[in-house]
């Protein structure tokens, strides 16, 4: 189940609200310019699958999303406990950063915690299978795979430069709960 926890930046231990219904999550995020919907993952695939296998299995959905949104670059994140990326890469996701272009994330399997720092608030979205989230360029964010990562996600951008992020230099992310807390 997807969950949205909204925190004031000054109180990372206590969310102002916690939402679990799709409509409530989508409308709350829409107020901040974030798109949130569900796109059924139609092909079963296991976390840790190769980049090539994931793209082959989801070619139709990827092509449709890219065409509808004017995107041309896709990145596959596929990790499981046995084949997790190195610790440095995972730690880098936990640093507050931003991208210069819009980003779409489609969760195919597993889960991850995407935190968005917008104004005085942090919107922590527990994304699970079938979640599609659209994050505008420049949005401060960090992503937690958890202590036992298991996730297949697609990140789609206007171009390959979108995959590059820049740190905001803000340590706020370290104050908020992690996925497995």
Protein backbone atom coordinates (compact mmCIF):
# COMPACT_ATOMS: atom_id res chain seq x y z
CA UNK A 1 0.00 0.00 0.00
CA UNK A 2 1.31 3.42 -0.93
CA UNK A 3 1.55 5.89 1.92
CA UNK A 4 2.12 9.64 1.97
CA UNK A 5 3.46 11.16 5.19
CA UNK A 6 3.61 14.95 5.30
CA UNK A 7 6.04 16.52 7.76
CA UNK A 8 6.91 20.08 8.64
CA UNK A 9 10.64 20.40 8.03
CA UNK A 10 11.15 21.40 11.68
CA UNK A 11 9.50 18.22 13.06
CA UNK A 12 10.89 15.14 11.30
CA UNK A 13 9.76 12.79 14.08
CA UNK A 14 6.04 13.54 13.76
CA UNK A 15 4.08 13.73 10.50
CA UNK A 16 1.31 16.32 10.21
CA UNK A 17 -0.75 13.80 8.25
CA UNK A 18 -0.52 10.29 6.89
CA UNK A 19 -2.57 9.32 3.84
CA UNK A 20 -3.20 5.85 2.40
CA UNK A 21 -5.96 6.33 -0.18
CA UNK A 22 -4.84 6.87 -3.76
CA UNK A 23 -7.15 9.83 -4.31
CA UNK A 24 -5.97 11.59 -1.13
CA UNK A 25 -2.29 10.99 -1.96
CA UNK A 26 -2.74 12.17 -5.55
CA UNK A 27 -4.67 15.33 -4.63
CA UNK A 28 -2.27 16.31 -1.83
CA UNK A 29 0.75 15.87 -4.10
CA UNK A 30 -1.02 17.63 -7.00
CA UNK A 31 -1.31 20.74 -4.81
CA UNK A 32 2.51 20.79 -4.88
CA UNK A 33 2.82 20.13 -8.61
CA UNK A 34 3.64 16.44 -8.18
CA UNK A 35 1.75 13.87 -10.26
CA UNK A 36 0.80 10.56 -8.66
CA UNK A 37 -1.16 7.71 -10.22
CA UNK A 38 -1.14 3.97 -10.73
CA UNK A 39 -0.06 2.21 -13.89
CA UNK A 40 -0.45 -1.54 -13.60
CA UNK A 41 2.75 -3.50 -14.07
CA UNK A 42 1.58 -6.24 -16.39
CA UNK A 43 4.62 -8.51 -16.60
CA UNK A 44 5.89 -10.33 -13.52
CA UNK A 45 9.60 -9.73 -12.99
CA UNK A 46 11.86 -10.21 -9.98
CA UNK A 47 13.99 -7.58 -8.28
CA UNK A 48 17.57 -7.88 -9.43
CA UNK A 49 16.56 -8.53 -13.06
CA UNK A 50 18.92 -7.10 -15.65
CA UNK A 51 18.43 -3.70 -17.28
CA UNK A 52 17.82 -5.44 -20.60
CA UNK A 53 15.23 -7.89 -19.17
CA UNK A 54 13.29 -5.10 -17.46
CA UNK A 55 13.17 -2.94 -20.58
CA UNK A 56 12.15 -5.90 -22.74
CA UNK A 57 9.32 -6.78 -20.35
CA UNK A 58 8.02 -3.18 -20.15
CA UNK A 59 8.82 -1.86 -23.63
CA UNK A 60 5.16 -1.08 -24.44
CA UNK A 61 4.58 0.89 -21.21
CA UNK A 62 7.94 2.67 -21.48
CA UNK A 63 7.30 3.70 -25.08
CA UNK A 64 3.80 4.94 -24.20
CA UNK A 65 5.00 6.97 -21.19
CA UNK A 66 7.90 8.44 -23.15
CA UNK A 67 5.68 9.43 -26.09
CA UNK A 68 2.93 10.93 -23.90
CA UNK A 69 5.42 12.98 -21.86
CA UNK A 70 8.06 13.91 -24.46
CA UNK A 71 10.76 11.85 -22.75
CA UNK A 72 13.73 10.18 -24.39
CA UNK A 73 15.91 8.69 -21.62
CA UNK A 74 15.20 5.79 -19.30
CA UNK A 75 17.16 4.38 -16.41
CA UNK A 76 16.45 1.02 -14.77
CA UNK A 77 16.98 0.56 -11.06
CA UNK A 78 16.91 -3.13 -10.24
CA UNK A 79 18.22 -4.22 -6.86
CA UNK A 80 17.64 -6.98 -4.38
CA UNK A 81 19.45 -7.98 -1.22
CA UNK A 82 21.77 -10.33 -3.11
CA UNK A 83 22.57 -7.95 -5.94
CA UNK A 84 22.35 -4.53 -4.30
CA UNK A 85 24.35 -1.67 -5.79
CA UNK A 86 27.39 -0.60 -3.86
CA UNK A 87 26.98 1.23 -0.56
CA UNK A 88 28.33 4.50 -1.97
CA UNK A 89 25.66 4.59 -4.69
CA UNK A 90 22.90 3.84 -2.17
CA UNK A 91 24.22 6.46 0.27
CA UNK A 92 24.20 9.04 -2.53
CA UNK A 93 20.46 8.53 -2.99
CA UNK A 94 19.92 9.57 0.65
CA UNK A 95 21.51 12.99 0.10
CA UNK A 96 19.08 15.77 -0.72
CA UNK A 97 19.51 16.55 -4.41
CA UNK A 98 17.62 17.83 -7.44
CA UNK A 99 17.48 17.19 -11.16
CA UNK A 100 17.50 19.82 -13.89
CA UNK A 101 14.68 18.13 -15.80
CA UNK A 102 11.31 16.62 -14.97
CA UNK A 103 11.44 13.02 -13.80
CA UNK A 104 8.91 10.19 -13.89
CA UNK A 105 9.32 7.10 -11.72
CA UNK A 106 7.41 3.89 -12.31
CA UNK A 107 7.69 1.28 -9.58
CA UNK A 108 7.47 -2.17 -11.13
CA UNK A 109 8.30 -4.32 -8.10
CA UNK A 110 9.28 -3.80 -4.50
CA UNK A 111 9.20 -0.44 -2.76
CA UNK A 112 11.15 2.72 -2.05
CA UNK A 113 10.66 5.89 -0.03
CA UNK A 114 10.81 9.06 -2.13
CA UNK A 115 11.00 12.19 0.01
CA UNK A 116 10.28 15.58 -1.55
CA UNK A 117 11.34 18.77 0.24
CA UNK A 118 8.95 21.47 -0.93
CA UNK A 119 8.96 24.78 0.91
CA UNK A 120 8.65 24.16 4.65
CA UNK A 121 7.36 20.60 4.21
CA UNK A 122 8.64 17.13 3.39
CA UNK A 123 6.34 14.80 1.49
CA UNK A 124 7.55 11.23 2.10
CA UNK A 125 5.93 8.90 -0.42
CA UNK A 126 6.23 5.17 0.16
CA UNK A 127 6.06 4.05 -3.45
CA UNK A 128 5.13 0.48 -4.25
CA UNK A 129 4.34 -1.66 -7.26
CA UNK A 130 2.35 0.20 -9.96
CA UNK A 131 3.00 3.69 -8.57
CA UNK A 132 3.84 6.36 -11.15
CA UNK A 133 5.13 9.63 -9.73
CA UNK A 134 6.01 12.75 -11.72
CA UNK A 135 8.53 15.09 -10.08
CA UNK A 136 9.12 18.53 -11.62
CA UNK A 137 12.64 19.73 -12.37
CA UNK A 138 14.36 21.37 -9.43
CA UNK A 139 12.37 19.56 -6.74
CA UNK A 140 14.55 18.78 -3.72
CA UNK A 141 14.43 15.05 -3.07
CA UNK A 142 16.09 11.94 -1.69
CA UNK A 143 15.31 8.26 -2.14
CA UNK A 144 15.64 5.42 0.33
CA UNK A 145 15.89 1.79 -0.78
CA UNK A 146 15.84 0.49 2.79
CA UNK A 147 18.12 -1.82 4.68
CA UNK A 148 17.11 -4.83 2.58
CA UNK A 149 16.65 -3.29 -0.87
CA UNK A 150 14.22 -4.93 -3.25
CA UNK A 151 13.10 -2.70 -6.05
CA UNK A 152 12.61 -2.48 -9.77
CA UNK A 153 11.86 1.04 -10.93
CA UNK A 154 12.11 3.00 -14.13
CA UNK A 155 13.22 6.61 -14.07
CA UNK A 156 12.36 8.53 -17.21
CA UNK A 157 13.74 11.92 -18.27
CA UNK A 158 13.62 14.32 -21.20
CA UNK A 159 17.25 13.46 -21.97
CA UNK A 160 20.23 11.65 -20.43
CA UNK A 161 21.34 14.84 -18.67
CA UNK A 162 18.28 14.45 -16.43
CA UNK A 163 19.85 11.43 -14.76
CA UNK A 164 22.54 13.69 -13.31
CA UNK A 165 21.69 15.25 -9.98
CA UNK A 166 23.18 18.04 -7.94
CA UNK A 167 23.33 18.07 -4.16
CA UNK A 168 21.50 20.90 -2.43
CA UNK A 169 24.04 20.90 0.42
CA UNK A 170 21.18 20.69 2.92
CA UNK A 171 21.52 18.00 5.62
CA UNK A 172 17.75 17.87 6.22
CA UNK A 173 17.42 14.37 4.71
CA UNK A 174 19.50 12.85 7.50
CA UNK A 175 16.92 13.97 10.07
CA UNK A 176 13.94 12.12 8.61
CA UNK A 177 12.86 8.51 9.16
CA UNK A 178 14.24 5.93 6.78
CA UNK A 179 12.29 3.25 4.99
CA UNK A 180 12.92 0.58 7.59
CA UNK A 181 12.68 2.77 10.70
